[in-house]
Amino acid sequence: MHERWEVCRGEDFNDADMLFTVKKSSVVQFKTHLEVFLKGNEDEKSPDFEVKGNFLDREGQVFHKDQLVAEVNKKRRRKKSFRSNLSL
C-alpha cells in the first residue's frame, strides 16, 4: 500500500474543501517521488504533478506532464565578499 495524504482547505476534513491528494509512487524509495492528483482527477491514471528529489540534500523538482515547472536547490555558499552599488 502506498502512503497517501489528502490536502484540504481549512482545519476540518470535508470533501467539498479537498484540494488534492498526494501519494508515494512506490513503497520503497531511495529518492522521493510523489504524485499529486488535483481534485478533479478522480481516476488517478496519471498525476497532475510529480515531485522528485532528495530532500535530505534539500533538492527537488516539480513536473507537470514531464515538463519541469519548479526547482528547489540547496543554497550554495559564496566566498565572503561584499559588493554594493550604493553611491555615497
Protein backbone atom coordinates (compact mmCIF):
# COMPACT_ATOMS: atom_id res chain seq x y z
CA MET A 1 0.00 0.00 0.00
CA HIS A 2 1.28 3.46 -0.92
CA GLU A 3 1.45 6.23 1.62
CA ARG A 4 -1.27 8.75 0.82
CA TRP A 5 -2.21 12.22 2.04
CA GLU A 6 -5.35 14.23 1.34
CA VAL A 7 -4.97 18.00 1.43
CA CYS A 8 -7.95 20.25 2.05
CA ARG A 9 -8.72 23.87 2.73
CA GLY A 10 -9.35 24.74 6.36
CA GLU A 11 -8.93 22.75 9.53
CA ASP A 12 -11.73 20.18 9.17
CA PHE A 13 -11.77 17.49 6.51
CA ASN A 14 -14.66 17.93 4.14
CA ASP A 15 -14.98 16.54 0.59
CA ALA A 16 -16.06 19.96 -0.67
CA ASP A 17 -12.86 21.50 0.72
CA MET A 18 -10.46 18.87 -0.65
CA LEU A 19 -7.78 20.41 -2.89
CA PHE A 20 -5.55 17.50 -3.91
CA THR A 21 -4.20 14.07 -3.00
CA VAL A 22 -0.52 13.14 -2.74
CA LYS A 23 0.89 9.63 -2.77
CA LYS A 24 4.29 7.99 -2.99
CA SER A 25 4.89 6.44 -6.40
CA SER A 26 6.27 3.23 -4.85
CA VAL A 27 6.64 1.71 -1.41
CA VAL A 28 10.46 1.53 -1.47
CA GLN A 29 12.19 4.76 -2.47
CA PHE A 30 15.77 5.93 -2.20
CA LYS A 31 14.85 9.36 -3.54
CA THR A 32 11.48 10.96 -3.01
CA HIS A 33 8.96 10.64 -5.83
CA LEU A 34 5.48 11.91 -5.06
CA GLU A 35 2.46 12.02 -7.35
CA VAL A 36 -0.04 14.87 -6.96
CA PHE A 37 -3.65 14.47 -8.11
CA LEU A 38 -5.87 17.56 -8.21
CA LYS A 39 -9.47 17.30 -7.01
CA GLY A 40 -10.96 16.72 -10.49
CA ASN A 41 -8.54 13.87 -11.31
CA GLU A 42 -10.52 11.14 -9.57
CA ASP A 43 -9.45 8.17 -11.71
CA GLU A 44 -5.78 8.90 -10.86
CA LYS A 45 -4.49 7.26 -14.04
CA SER A 46 -1.78 9.89 -14.39
CA PRO A 47 -0.72 12.54 -11.87
CA ASP A 48 -1.29 16.25 -12.46
CA PHE A 49 2.13 16.97 -10.92
CA GLU A 50 5.14 14.93 -9.81
CA VAL A 51 7.60 15.96 -7.13
CA LYS A 52 11.02 14.33 -7.33
CA GLY A 53 14.09 14.94 -5.27
CA ASN A 54 16.38 14.24 -2.41
CA PHE A 55 15.02 16.22 0.49
CA LEU A 56 17.92 15.36 2.78
CA ASP A 57 20.10 17.27 0.32
CA ARG A 58 17.40 19.98 0.05
CA GLU A 59 16.94 19.45 -3.67
CA GLY A 60 13.72 18.83 -5.53
CA GLN A 61 11.85 19.39 -8.77
CA VAL A 62 8.17 19.75 -9.64
CA PHE A 63 6.98 18.44 -13.01
CA HIS A 64 3.72 18.94 -14.91
CA LYS A 65 3.31 16.43 -17.75
CA ASP A 66 7.06 15.72 -17.78
CA GLN A 67 7.90 19.43 -18.03
CA LEU A 68 9.95 20.97 -15.22
CA VAL A 69 7.90 23.80 -13.66
CA ALA A 70 9.77 24.47 -10.41
CA GLU A 71 13.06 23.56 -8.78
CA VAL A 72 14.48 23.92 -5.29
CA ASN A 73 18.22 23.72 -4.67
CA LYS A 74 20.28 23.99 -1.55
CA LYS A 75 21.68 27.48 -1.15
CA ARG A 76 25.31 27.43 -2.12
CA ARG A 77 27.76 29.40 -0.02
CA ARG A 78 29.80 32.00 -1.80
CA LYS A 79 33.16 33.32 -0.79
CA LYS A 80 32.80 36.15 1.66
CA SER A 81 32.67 39.35 -0.30
CA PHE A 82 30.68 42.49 -0.25
CA ARG A 83 29.63 44.43 -3.27
CA SER A 84 27.42 47.48 -3.33
CA ASN A 85 26.11 49.82 -5.96
CA LEU A 86 25.41 52.40 -3.28
CA SER A 87 26.98 55.79 -4.01
CA LEU A 88 27.99 57.93 -1.06
